[in-house]
């Protein structure tokens, strides 16, 4: 496989994924895929592994997201179809579809063991749920589902009765760093998690009516 052929596969796959994912919003559109691709490439430069497999898996990991296909996860099915139609070698097709089928947080313990490339894409996907982007995605998804970001009555509740964005931070997002596979991803996650915790501290200050005053430096 020449570098030119590999680039053609990557470019074609990106175009197909972008077209198929039109209308997938709430933090799970092609903008998310593009960020995952950039982050996965960053990690891959430090860890090694096949750049082609990382690129293709990153581009296709949400192409058949269950949230937009009546609850049925179809990303692996669509990945096999898209890659096979381009004449991508079968061993690469199977490698990519295995990654796509096993990186989801929802899959959990039943997921198969991932290759290095799978671990890279999984880390990149999870990192996109953290930091400033993670906050925005949480709010967007909650708005799409009609869920509030915060309920004062549940602030200290050990067992929340209704889903909220703040609850999502604690139930899932703050657990992600411990689940990451690679050291470069863990370093990125630490900074992003600290930002989110700082955001929540400021959010609760404002909810409680406290005002952060900027020192007057005009004198």
C-alpha atoms as a PDB file:
ATOM      1  CA  UNK A   1       0.000   0.000   0.000  1.00  0.00           C
ATOM      2  CA  UNK A   2       1.465   3.292  -1.045  1.00  0.00           C
ATOM      3  CA  UNK A   3       1.106   6.387   1.149  1.00  0.00           C
ATOM      4  CA  UNK A   4      -0.994   7.916  -1.629  1.00  0.00           C
ATOM      5  CA  UNK A   5      -3.433   4.980  -1.568  1.00  0.00           C
ATOM      6  CA  UNK A   6      -3.701   5.138   2.208  1.00  0.00           C
ATOM      7  CA  UNK A   7      -4.444   8.870   2.015  1.00  0.00           C
ATOM      8  CA  UNK A   8      -7.161   8.239  -0.581  1.00  0.00           C
ATOM      9  CA  UNK A   9      -8.819   5.707   1.724  1.00  0.00           C
ATOM     10  CA  UNK A  10      -8.666   8.132   4.621  1.00  0.00           C
ATOM     11  CA  UNK A  11     -10.030  11.061   2.585  1.00  0.00           C
ATOM     12  CA  UNK A  12     -12.836   9.006   1.058  1.00  0.00           C
ATOM     13  CA  UNK A  13     -13.810   7.532   4.415  1.00  0.00           C
ATOM     14  CA  UNK A  14     -13.893  11.011   5.969  1.00  0.00           C
ATOM     15  CA  UNK A  15     -16.171  12.300   3.213  1.00  0.00           C
ATOM     16  CA  UNK A  16     -18.550   9.332   3.511  1.00  0.00           C
ATOM     17  CA  UNK A  17     -18.684   9.527   7.304  1.00  0.00           C
ATOM     18  CA  UNK A  18     -19.368  13.270   7.206  1.00  0.00           C
ATOM     19  CA  UNK A  19     -22.231  12.746   4.757  1.00  0.00           C
ATOM     20  CA  UNK A  20     -23.782   9.877   6.697  1.00  0.00           C
ATOM     21  CA  UNK A  21     -23.549  11.715  10.003  1.00  0.00           C
ATOM     22  CA  UNK A  22     -25.392  14.810   8.844  1.00  0.00           C
ATOM     23  CA  UNK A  23     -28.055  15.551  11.425  1.00  0.00           C
ATOM     24  CA  UNK A  24     -26.240  13.744  14.247  1.00  0.00           C
ATOM     25  CA  UNK A  25     -25.924  16.513  16.780  1.00  0.00           C
ATOM     26  CA  UNK A  26     -26.110  16.728  20.602  1.00  0.00           C
ATOM     27  CA  UNK A  27     -22.330  16.413  20.811  1.00  0.00           C
ATOM     28  CA  UNK A  28     -22.158  13.315  18.608  1.00  0.00           C
ATOM     29  CA  UNK A  29     -21.798  14.793  15.133  1.00  0.00           C
ATOM     30  CA  UNK A  30     -18.904  14.820  12.688  1.00  0.00           C
ATOM     31  CA  UNK A  31     -17.326  17.705  14.593  1.00  0.00           C
ATOM     32  CA  UNK A  32     -16.828  15.209  17.435  1.00  0.00           C
ATOM     33  CA  UNK A  33     -15.309  12.708  15.008  1.00  0.00           C
ATOM     34  CA  UNK A  34     -12.910  15.342  13.670  1.00  0.00           C
ATOM     35  CA  UNK A  35     -11.679  16.141  17.178  1.00  0.00           C
ATOM     36  CA  UNK A  36     -11.250  12.453  17.997  1.00  0.00           C
ATOM     37  CA  UNK A  37      -9.218  12.030  14.805  1.00  0.00           C
ATOM     38  CA  UNK A  38      -6.877  14.906  15.700  1.00  0.00           C
ATOM     39  CA  UNK A  39      -6.408  13.682  19.267  1.00  0.00           C
ATOM     40  CA  UNK A  40      -5.864  10.073  18.150  1.00  0.00           C
ATOM     41  CA  UNK A  41      -3.169  11.215  15.740  1.00  0.00           C
ATOM     42  CA  UNK A  42      -1.494  13.176  18.521  1.00  0.00           C
ATOM     43  CA  UNK A  43      -1.443  10.109  20.782  1.00  0.00           C
ATOM     44  CA  UNK A  44      -0.303   7.834  17.950  1.00  0.00           C
ATOM     45  CA  UNK A  45       2.777   9.953  17.302  1.00  0.00           C
ATOM     46  CA  UNK A  46       3.864   9.196  20.879  1.00  0.00           C
ATOM     47  CA  UNK A  47       2.778   5.555  21.183  1.00  0.00           C
ATOM     48  CA  UNK A  48       3.249   4.113  17.709  1.00  0.00           C
ATOM     49  CA  UNK A  49       0.833   1.809  15.926  1.00  0.00           C
ATOM     50  CA  UNK A  50      -0.673   1.940  12.442  1.00  0.00           C
ATOM     51  CA  UNK A  51      -1.640   5.492  11.481  1.00  0.00           C
ATOM     52  CA  UNK A  52      -4.006   4.173   8.795  1.00  0.00           C
ATOM     53  CA  UNK A  53      -5.927   1.948  11.206  1.00  0.00           C
ATOM     54  CA  UNK A  54      -6.103   4.757  13.779  1.00  0.00           C
ATOM     55  CA  UNK A  55      -7.395   7.214  11.165  1.00  0.00           C
ATOM     56  CA  UNK A  56     -10.051   4.885   9.771  1.00  0.00           C
ATOM     57  CA  UNK A  57     -11.293   3.732  13.179  1.00  0.00           C
ATOM     58  CA  UNK A  58     -11.466   7.299  14.479  1.00  0.00           C
ATOM     59  CA  UNK A  59     -13.433   8.410  11.434  1.00  0.00           C
ATOM     60  CA  UNK A  60     -15.909   5.529  11.629  1.00  0.00           C
ATOM     61  CA  UNK A  61     -16.365   4.950  15.362  1.00  0.00           C
ATOM     62  CA  UNK A  62     -19.723   6.792  15.501  1.00  0.00           C
ATOM     63  CA  UNK A  63     -20.922   6.415  11.915  1.00  0.00           C
ATOM     64  CA  UNK A  64     -23.792   4.183  13.055  1.00  0.00           C
ATOM     65  CA  UNK A  65     -24.301   5.470  16.599  1.00  0.00           C
ATOM     66  CA  UNK A  66     -27.219   3.712  18.295  1.00  0.00           C
ATOM     67  CA  UNK A  67     -28.663   7.042  19.484  1.00  0.00           C
ATOM     68  CA  UNK A  68     -29.476   7.862  15.870  1.00  0.00           C
ATOM     69  CA  UNK A  69     -30.457   4.370  14.668  1.00  0.00           C
ATOM     70  CA  UNK A  70     -33.392   3.423  16.886  1.00  0.00           C
ATOM     71  CA  UNK A  71     -31.162   2.135  19.673  1.00  0.00           C
ATOM     72  CA  UNK A  72     -29.263  -0.278  17.412  1.00  0.00           C
ATOM     73  CA  UNK A  73     -25.476   0.180  17.215  1.00  0.00           C
ATOM     74  CA  UNK A  74     -24.514  -0.094  13.538  1.00  0.00           C
ATOM     75  CA  UNK A  75     -21.053   1.486  13.381  1.00  0.00           C
ATOM     76  CA  UNK A  76     -19.203  -1.796  12.812  1.00  0.00           C
ATOM     77  CA  UNK A  77     -21.679  -2.832  10.115  1.00  0.00           C
ATOM     78  CA  UNK A  78     -21.375   0.484   8.299  1.00  0.00           C
ATOM     79  CA  UNK A  79     -17.582   0.506   8.688  1.00  0.00           C
ATOM     80  CA  UNK A  80     -17.234  -2.856   6.997  1.00  0.00           C
ATOM     81  CA  UNK A  81     -19.491  -1.709   4.164  1.00  0.00           C
ATOM     82  CA  UNK A  82     -17.681   1.613   3.626  1.00  0.00           C
ATOM     83  CA  UNK A  83     -14.166   0.165   3.708  1.00  0.00           C
ATOM     84  CA  UNK A  84     -14.890  -2.957   1.669  1.00  0.00           C
ATOM     85  CA  UNK A  85     -16.445  -0.847  -1.091  1.00  0.00           C
ATOM     86  CA  UNK A  86     -13.121   1.023  -1.409  1.00  0.00           C
ATOM     87  CA  UNK A  87     -11.082  -2.160  -1.719  1.00  0.00           C
ATOM     88  CA  UNK A  88      -9.349  -1.752   1.631  1.00  0.00           C
ATOM     89  CA  UNK A  89      -7.515  -5.027   2.450  1.00  0.00           C
ATOM     90  CA  UNK A  90      -9.646  -7.420   4.470  1.00  0.00           C
ATOM     91  CA  UNK A  91      -7.262  -7.608   7.427  1.00  0.00           C
ATOM     92  CA  UNK A  92      -7.480  -3.830   7.829  1.00  0.00           C
ATOM     93  CA  UNK A  93     -11.255  -3.888   7.455  1.00  0.00           C
ATOM     94  CA  UNK A  94     -11.547  -6.482  10.209  1.00  0.00           C
ATOM     95  CA  UNK A  95      -9.106  -4.630  12.459  1.00  0.00           C
ATOM     96  CA  UNK A  96     -11.036  -1.367  12.113  1.00  0.00           C
ATOM     97  CA  UNK A  97     -14.455  -2.946  12.624  1.00  0.00           C
ATOM     98  CA  UNK A  98     -13.218  -4.755  15.728  1.00  0.00           C
ATOM     99  CA  UNK A  99     -12.088  -1.421  17.180  1.00  0.00           C
ATOM    100  CA  UNK A 100     -15.311   0.334  16.275  1.00  0.00           C
ATOM    101  CA  UNK A 101     -17.333  -2.459  17.846  1.00  0.00           C
ATOM    102  CA  UNK A 102     -15.443  -2.461  21.146  1.00  0.00           C
ATOM    103  CA  UNK A 103     -14.431   1.068  22.169  1.00  0.00           C
ATOM    104  CA  UNK A 104     -17.744   2.366  23.501  1.00  0.00           C
ATOM    105  CA  UNK A 105     -18.131   3.216  27.186  1.00  0.00           C
ATOM    106  CA  UNK A 106     -21.514   1.484  26.999  1.00  0.00           C
ATOM    107  CA  UNK A 107     -19.852  -1.787  26.009  1.00  0.00           C
ATOM    108  CA  UNK A 108     -18.033  -1.952  29.354  1.00  0.00           C
ATOM    109  CA  UNK A 109     -16.727  -5.283  30.609  1.00  0.00           C
ATOM    110  CA  UNK A 110     -18.078  -7.444  27.726  1.00  0.00           C
ATOM    111  CA  UNK A 111     -15.845  -5.582  25.248  1.00  0.00           C
ATOM    112  CA  UNK A 112     -13.063  -7.572  23.570  1.00  0.00           C
ATOM    113  CA  UNK A 113      -9.418  -6.743  24.229  1.00  0.00           C
ATOM    114  CA  UNK A 114      -8.316  -3.847  22.033  1.00  0.00           C
ATOM    115  CA  UNK A 115      -5.166  -3.554  19.955  1.00  0.00           C
ATOM    116  CA  UNK A 116      -2.821  -0.605  20.470  1.00  0.00           C
ATOM    117  CA  UNK A 117      -4.653   1.246  17.719  1.00  0.00           C
ATOM    118  CA  UNK A 118      -7.974   0.508  19.416  1.00  0.00           C
ATOM    119  CA  UNK A 119      -6.689   1.792  22.734  1.00  0.00           C
ATOM    120  CA  UNK A 120      -5.540   5.004  21.062  1.00  0.00           C
ATOM    121  CA  UNK A 121      -8.917   5.668  19.439  1.00  0.00           C
ATOM    122  CA  UNK A 122     -10.785   4.745  22.617  1.00  0.00           C
ATOM    123  CA  UNK A 123      -8.653   7.194  24.599  1.00  0.00           C
ATOM    124  CA  UNK A 124      -9.218   9.951  22.038  1.00  0.00           C
ATOM    125  CA  UNK A 125     -12.964   9.346  22.110  1.00  0.00           C
ATOM    126  CA  UNK A 126     -13.061   9.484  25.902  1.00  0.00           C
ATOM    127  CA  UNK A 127     -10.919  12.606  26.034  1.00  0.00           C
ATOM    128  CA  UNK A 128     -13.526  14.420  23.944  1.00  0.00           C
ATOM    129  CA  UNK A 129     -15.957  13.967  26.838  1.00  0.00           C
ATOM    130  CA  UNK A 130     -13.665  15.985  29.121  1.00  0.00           C
ATOM    131  CA  UNK A 131     -12.604  19.624  29.408  1.00  0.00           C
ATOM    132  CA  UNK A 132     -14.416  22.600  27.913  1.00  0.00           C
ATOM    133  CA  UNK A 133     -15.719  20.502  25.026  1.00  0.00           C
ATOM    134  CA  UNK A 134     -16.984  17.910  27.497  1.00  0.00           C
ATOM    135  CA  UNK A 135     -18.956  20.563  29.359  1.00  0.00           C
ATOM    136  CA  UNK A 136     -20.521  21.852  26.147  1.00  0.00           C
ATOM    137  CA  UNK A 137     -21.350  18.330  24.935  1.00  0.00           C
ATOM    138  CA  UNK A 138     -23.002  17.511  28.257  1.00  0.00           C
ATOM    139  CA  UNK A 139     -25.177  20.615  28.072  1.00  0.00           C
ATOM    140  CA  UNK A 140     -26.041  20.018  24.399  1.00  0.00           C
ATOM    141  CA  UNK A 141     -27.013  16.403  25.015  1.00  0.00           C
ATOM    142  CA  UNK A 142     -29.100  17.309  28.060  1.00  0.00           C
ATOM    143  CA  UNK A 143     -30.917  20.012  26.103  1.00  0.00           C
ATOM    144  CA  UNK A 144     -31.662  17.567  23.280  1.00  0.00           C
ATOM    145  CA  UNK A 145     -33.068  15.075  25.797  1.00  0.00           C
ATOM    146  CA  UNK A 146     -34.923  17.663  27.863  1.00  0.00           C
ATOM    147  CA  UNK A 147     -32.730  17.051  30.900  1.00  0.00           C
ATOM    148  CA  UNK A 148     -31.676  19.918  33.213  1.00  0.00           C
ATOM    149  CA  UNK A 149     -28.021  20.624  33.788  1.00  0.00           C
ATOM    150  CA  UNK A 150     -28.594  21.020  37.525  1.00  0.00           C
ATOM    151  CA  UNK A 151     -31.315  20.473  40.115  1.00  0.00           C
ATOM    152  CA  UNK A 152     -30.635  22.137  43.498  1.00  0.00           C
ATOM    153  CA  UNK A 153     -32.685  19.438  45.224  1.00  0.00           C
ATOM    154  CA  UNK A 154     -30.200  16.797  44.032  1.00  0.00           C
ATOM    155  CA  UNK A 155     -26.969  18.608  44.814  1.00  0.00           C
ATOM    156  CA  UNK A 156     -26.111  16.425  47.790  1.00  0.00           C
ATOM    157  CA  UNK A 157     -28.327  13.465  46.957  1.00  0.00           C
ATOM    158  CA  UNK A 158     -26.547  10.120  47.184  1.00  0.00           C
ATOM    159  CA  UNK A 159     -29.134   8.570  44.848  1.00  0.00           C
ATOM    160  CA  UNK A 160     -30.379  11.170  42.326  1.00  0.00           C
ATOM    161  CA  UNK A 161     -33.928  10.628  41.152  1.00  0.00           C
ATOM    162  CA  UNK A 162     -33.538  12.391  37.799  1.00  0.00           C
ATOM    163  CA  UNK A 163     -30.656  12.597  35.299  1.00  0.00           C
ATOM    164  CA  UNK A 164     -28.789  15.898  35.149  1.00  0.00           C
ATOM    165  CA  UNK A 165     -25.628  17.207  33.533  1.00  0.00           C
ATOM    166  CA  UNK A 166     -23.950  17.649  36.911  1.00  0.00           C
ATOM    167  CA  UNK A 167     -24.890  14.094  37.777  1.00  0.00           C
ATOM    168  CA  UNK A 168     -23.356  12.924  34.493  1.00  0.00           C
ATOM    169  CA  UNK A 169     -20.061  14.523  35.478  1.00  0.00           C
ATOM    170  CA  UNK A 170     -19.903  12.388  38.613  1.00  0.00           C
ATOM    171  CA  UNK A 171     -21.518   9.210  37.274  1.00  0.00           C
ATOM    172  CA  UNK A 172     -19.326   8.941  34.165  1.00  0.00           C
ATOM    173  CA  UNK A 173     -16.992  11.757  33.190  1.00  0.00           C
ATOM    174  CA  UNK A 174     -14.875  11.959  36.333  1.00  0.00           C
ATOM    175  CA  UNK A 175     -14.323   8.192  36.071  1.00  0.00           C
ATOM    176  CA  UNK A 176     -12.852   8.301  32.574  1.00  0.00           C
ATOM    177  CA  UNK A 177      -9.251   9.184  33.467  1.00  0.00           C
ATOM    178  CA  UNK A 178      -8.865   5.934  35.393  1.00  0.00           C
ATOM    179  CA  UNK A 179     -10.062   3.996  32.350  1.00  0.00           C
ATOM    180  CA  UNK A 180      -7.595   5.426  29.840  1.00  0.00           C
ATOM    181  CA  UNK A 181      -5.037   3.165  28.203  1.00  0.00           C
ATOM    182  CA  UNK A 182      -2.108   5.410  27.303  1.00  0.00           C
ATOM    183  CA  UNK A 183       0.087   7.786  29.262  1.00  0.00           C
ATOM    184  CA  UNK A 184      -0.264  10.682  26.788  1.00  0.00           C
ATOM    185  CA  UNK A 185      -4.054  10.461  27.177  1.00  0.00           C
ATOM    186  CA  UNK A 186      -3.842  10.389  30.967  1.00  0.00           C
ATOM    187  CA  UNK A 187      -1.772  13.578  30.958  1.00  0.00           C
ATOM    188  CA  UNK A 188      -4.320  15.358  28.766  1.00  0.00           C
ATOM    189  CA  UNK A 189      -7.203  14.025  30.872  1.00  0.00           C
ATOM    190  CA  UNK A 190      -5.775  15.335  34.129  1.00  0.00           C
ATOM    191  CA  UNK A 191      -5.708  18.920  32.861  1.00  0.00           C
ATOM    192  CA  UNK A 192      -9.192  18.666  31.368  1.00  0.00           C
ATOM    193  CA  UNK A 193     -10.674  17.103  34.492  1.00  0.00           C
ATOM    194  CA  UNK A 194      -9.172  19.811  36.679  1.00  0.00           C
ATOM    195  CA  UNK A 195     -10.766  22.428  34.414  1.00  0.00           C
ATOM    196  CA  UNK A 196     -14.176  20.740  34.781  1.00  0.00           C
ATOM    197  CA  UNK A 197     -13.902  20.619  38.551  1.00  0.00           C
ATOM    198  CA  UNK A 198     -12.950  24.297  38.586  1.00  0.00           C
ATOM    199  CA  UNK A 199     -15.972  25.029  36.409  1.00  0.00           C
ATOM    200  CA  UNK A 200     -18.275  23.216  38.829  1.00  0.00           C
ATOM    201  CA  UNK A 201     -16.792  25.107  41.785  1.00  0.00           C
ATOM    202  CA  UNK A 202     -17.523  28.414  40.045  1.00  0.00           C
ATOM    203  CA  UNK A 203     -20.961  27.218  38.913  1.00  0.00           C
ATOM    204  CA  UNK A 204     -22.008  26.366  42.475  1.00  0.00           C
ATOM    205  CA  UNK A 205     -20.621  29.664  43.792  1.00  0.00           C
ATOM    206  CA  UNK A 206     -22.834  31.518  41.369  1.00  0.00           C
ATOM    207  CA  UNK A 207     -25.830  29.297  42.109  1.00  0.00           C
ATOM    208  CA  UNK A 208     -25.374  30.147  45.789  1.00  0.00           C
ATOM    209  CA  UNK A 209     -25.364  33.852  44.984  1.00  0.00           C
ATOM    210  CA  UNK A 210     -21.713  34.443  45.705  1.00  0.00           C
ATOM    211  CA  UNK A 211     -19.832  36.895  43.501  1.00  0.00           C
ATOM    212  CA  UNK A 212     -16.189  36.582  42.538  1.00  0.00           C
ATOM    213  CA  UNK A 213     -14.798  40.118  42.602  1.00  0.00           C
ATOM    214  CA  UNK A 214     -11.933  41.235  40.408  1.00  0.00           C
ATOM    215  CA  UNK A 215      -9.412  43.383  42.325  1.00  0.00           C
ATOM    216  CA  UNK A 216      -9.502  47.063  41.373  1.00  0.00           C
ATOM    217  CA  UNK A 217      -6.129  47.824  39.758  1.00  0.00           C
ATOM    218  CA  UNK A 218      -7.042  51.288  38.523  1.00  0.00           C
ATOM    219  CA  UNK A 219      -5.598  53.064  41.589  1.00  0.00           C
END
